[in-house]
Amino acid sequence: MENELKLIYSGSLVEAEFIGGVMEENGIQYLIRNFQEESLVAGWAANVIKGEASVYVFSKDYDRAMQILEELPNAEIEE
């Protein structure tokens, strides 16, 4: 399914935002989930490490996104 989101990165918020910028530069739509911030907005505190986030892309862009990430130095990539 083309509209399914797939995880391309999980780790620090700073790196997630950097990766999001790289995806944007390459014309790939992405979503950054910051679970701690989401929980605070909802009115409760999630049991996650401060500053942890995940980056998702649509499944149709997954292979291209992973190829781009492999070319980045020092990227911690979780498939």
C-alpha atoms as a PDB file:
ATOM      1  CA  MET A   1       0.000   0.000   0.000  1.00  0.00           C
ATOM      2  CA  GLU A   2       1.474   3.349  -1.102  1.00  0.00           C
ATOM      3  CA  ASN A   3       0.084   5.355   1.815  1.00  0.00           C
ATOM      4  CA  GLU A   4       1.517   3.097   4.507  1.00  0.00           C
ATOM      5  CA  LEU A   5       4.155   4.784   6.686  1.00  0.00           C
ATOM      6  CA  LYS A   6       7.455   2.990   7.208  1.00  0.00           C
ATOM      7  CA  LEU A   7      10.068   3.722   9.858  1.00  0.00           C
ATOM      8  CA  ILE A   8      13.436   4.858   8.518  1.00  0.00           C
ATOM      9  CA  TYR A   9      15.050   6.203  11.697  1.00  0.00           C
ATOM     10  CA  SER A  10      14.615   6.086  15.450  1.00  0.00           C
ATOM     11  CA  GLY A  11      16.889   7.969  17.824  1.00  0.00           C
ATOM     12  CA  SER A  12      17.702  11.520  18.810  1.00  0.00           C
ATOM     13  CA  LEU A  13      15.349  14.357  17.898  1.00  0.00           C
ATOM     14  CA  VAL A  14      18.266  16.403  16.543  1.00  0.00           C
ATOM     15  CA  GLU A  15      19.242  13.659  14.093  1.00  0.00           C
ATOM     16  CA  ALA A  16      15.591  13.036  13.213  1.00  0.00           C
ATOM     17  CA  GLU A  17      15.172  16.701  12.269  1.00  0.00           C
ATOM     18  CA  PHE A  18      18.377  16.556  10.212  1.00  0.00           C
ATOM     19  CA  ILE A  19      17.135  13.461   8.388  1.00  0.00           C
ATOM     20  CA  GLY A  20      13.780  15.154   7.817  1.00  0.00           C
ATOM     21  CA  GLY A  21      15.625  18.050   6.191  1.00  0.00           C
ATOM     22  CA  VAL A  22      17.518  15.668   3.945  1.00  0.00           C
ATOM     23  CA  MET A  23      14.259  13.983   2.933  1.00  0.00           C
ATOM     24  CA  GLU A  24      12.713  17.372   2.155  1.00  0.00           C
ATOM     25  CA  GLU A  25      15.717  18.350   0.015  1.00  0.00           C
ATOM     26  CA  ASN A  26      15.186  15.163  -1.970  1.00  0.00           C
ATOM     27  CA  GLY A  27      11.451  15.662  -2.448  1.00  0.00           C
ATOM     28  CA  ILE A  28      10.399  12.896  -0.044  1.00  0.00           C
ATOM     29  CA  GLN A  29       7.490  13.542   2.299  1.00  0.00           C
ATOM     30  CA  TYR A  30       8.224  12.519   5.880  1.00  0.00           C
ATOM     31  CA  LEU A  31       6.774  12.523   9.367  1.00  0.00           C
ATOM     32  CA  ILE A  32       8.728  13.073  12.581  1.00  0.00           C
ATOM     33  CA  ARG A  33       7.111  11.641  15.710  1.00  0.00           C
ATOM     34  CA  ASN A  34       8.335  13.065  18.995  1.00  0.00           C
ATOM     35  CA  PHE A  35       6.494  10.868  21.488  1.00  0.00           C
ATOM     36  CA  GLN A  36       7.369  12.947  24.548  1.00  0.00           C
ATOM     37  CA  GLU A  37       6.053  16.162  23.012  1.00  0.00           C
ATOM     38  CA  GLU A  38       2.941  14.377  21.713  1.00  0.00           C
ATOM     39  CA  SER A  39       2.167  13.034  25.176  1.00  0.00           C
ATOM     40  CA  LEU A  40       2.665  16.418  26.845  1.00  0.00           C
ATOM     41  CA  VAL A  41       0.261  18.039  24.375  1.00  0.00           C
ATOM     42  CA  ALA A  42      -2.236  15.279  25.185  1.00  0.00           C
ATOM     43  CA  GLY A  43      -1.896  16.025  28.901  1.00  0.00           C
ATOM     44  CA  TRP A  44       0.214  13.118  30.135  1.00  0.00           C
ATOM     45  CA  ALA A  45       3.901  12.219  30.178  1.00  0.00           C
ATOM     46  CA  ALA A  46       5.129   9.304  28.077  1.00  0.00           C
ATOM     47  CA  ASN A  47       7.757   6.993  29.471  1.00  0.00           C
ATOM     48  CA  VAL A  48      10.342   7.697  26.754  1.00  0.00           C
ATOM     49  CA  ILE A  49      13.855   9.066  26.708  1.00  0.00           C
ATOM     50  CA  LYS A  50      13.850  12.851  26.414  1.00  0.00           C
ATOM     51  CA  GLY A  51      14.698  13.957  22.900  1.00  0.00           C
ATOM     52  CA  GLU A  52      13.851  10.642  21.250  1.00  0.00           C
ATOM     53  CA  ALA A  53      12.021  10.702  17.922  1.00  0.00           C
ATOM     54  CA  SER A  54      11.237   8.579  14.870  1.00  0.00           C
ATOM     55  CA  VAL A  55      11.133   9.443  11.173  1.00  0.00           C
ATOM     56  CA  TYR A  56       8.649   7.814   8.809  1.00  0.00           C
ATOM     57  CA  VAL A  57       8.167   7.976   5.033  1.00  0.00           C
ATOM     58  CA  PHE A  58       5.503   6.576   2.720  1.00  0.00           C
ATOM     59  CA  SER A  59       6.202   3.012   1.595  1.00  0.00           C
ATOM     60  CA  LYS A  60       6.479   4.167  -2.036  1.00  0.00           C
ATOM     61  CA  ASP A  61       9.501   6.310  -1.009  1.00  0.00           C
ATOM     62  CA  TYR A  62      11.048   3.846   1.443  1.00  0.00           C
ATOM     63  CA  ASP A  63      13.741   2.344  -0.804  1.00  0.00           C
ATOM     64  CA  ARG A  64      14.870   5.744  -2.062  1.00  0.00           C
ATOM     65  CA  ALA A  65      14.915   7.172   1.480  1.00  0.00           C
ATOM     66  CA  MET A  66      17.010   4.279   2.759  1.00  0.00           C
ATOM     67  CA  GLN A  67      19.446   4.690  -0.128  1.00  0.00           C
ATOM     68  CA  ILE A  68      19.827   8.384   0.725  1.00  0.00           C
ATOM     69  CA  LEU A  69      20.391   7.563   4.414  1.00  0.00           C
ATOM     70  CA  GLU A  70      23.029   4.968   3.587  1.00  0.00           C
ATOM     71  CA  GLU A  71      25.001   7.713   1.861  1.00  0.00           C
ATOM     72  CA  LEU A  72      24.915   9.931   4.970  1.00  0.00           C
ATOM     73  CA  PRO A  73      27.895   9.582   7.322  1.00  0.00           C
ATOM     74  CA  ASN A  74      27.235   8.617  10.949  1.00  0.00           C
ATOM     75  CA  ALA A  75      23.500   8.007  10.458  1.00  0.00           C
ATOM     76  CA  GLU A  76      22.038   5.494  12.870  1.00  0.00           C
ATOM     77  CA  ILE A  77      19.418   3.747  10.786  1.00  0.00           C
ATOM     78  CA  GLU A  78      16.848   1.309  12.117  1.00  0.00           C
ATOM     79  CA  GLU A  79      14.945  -0.759   9.581  1.00  0.00           C
END
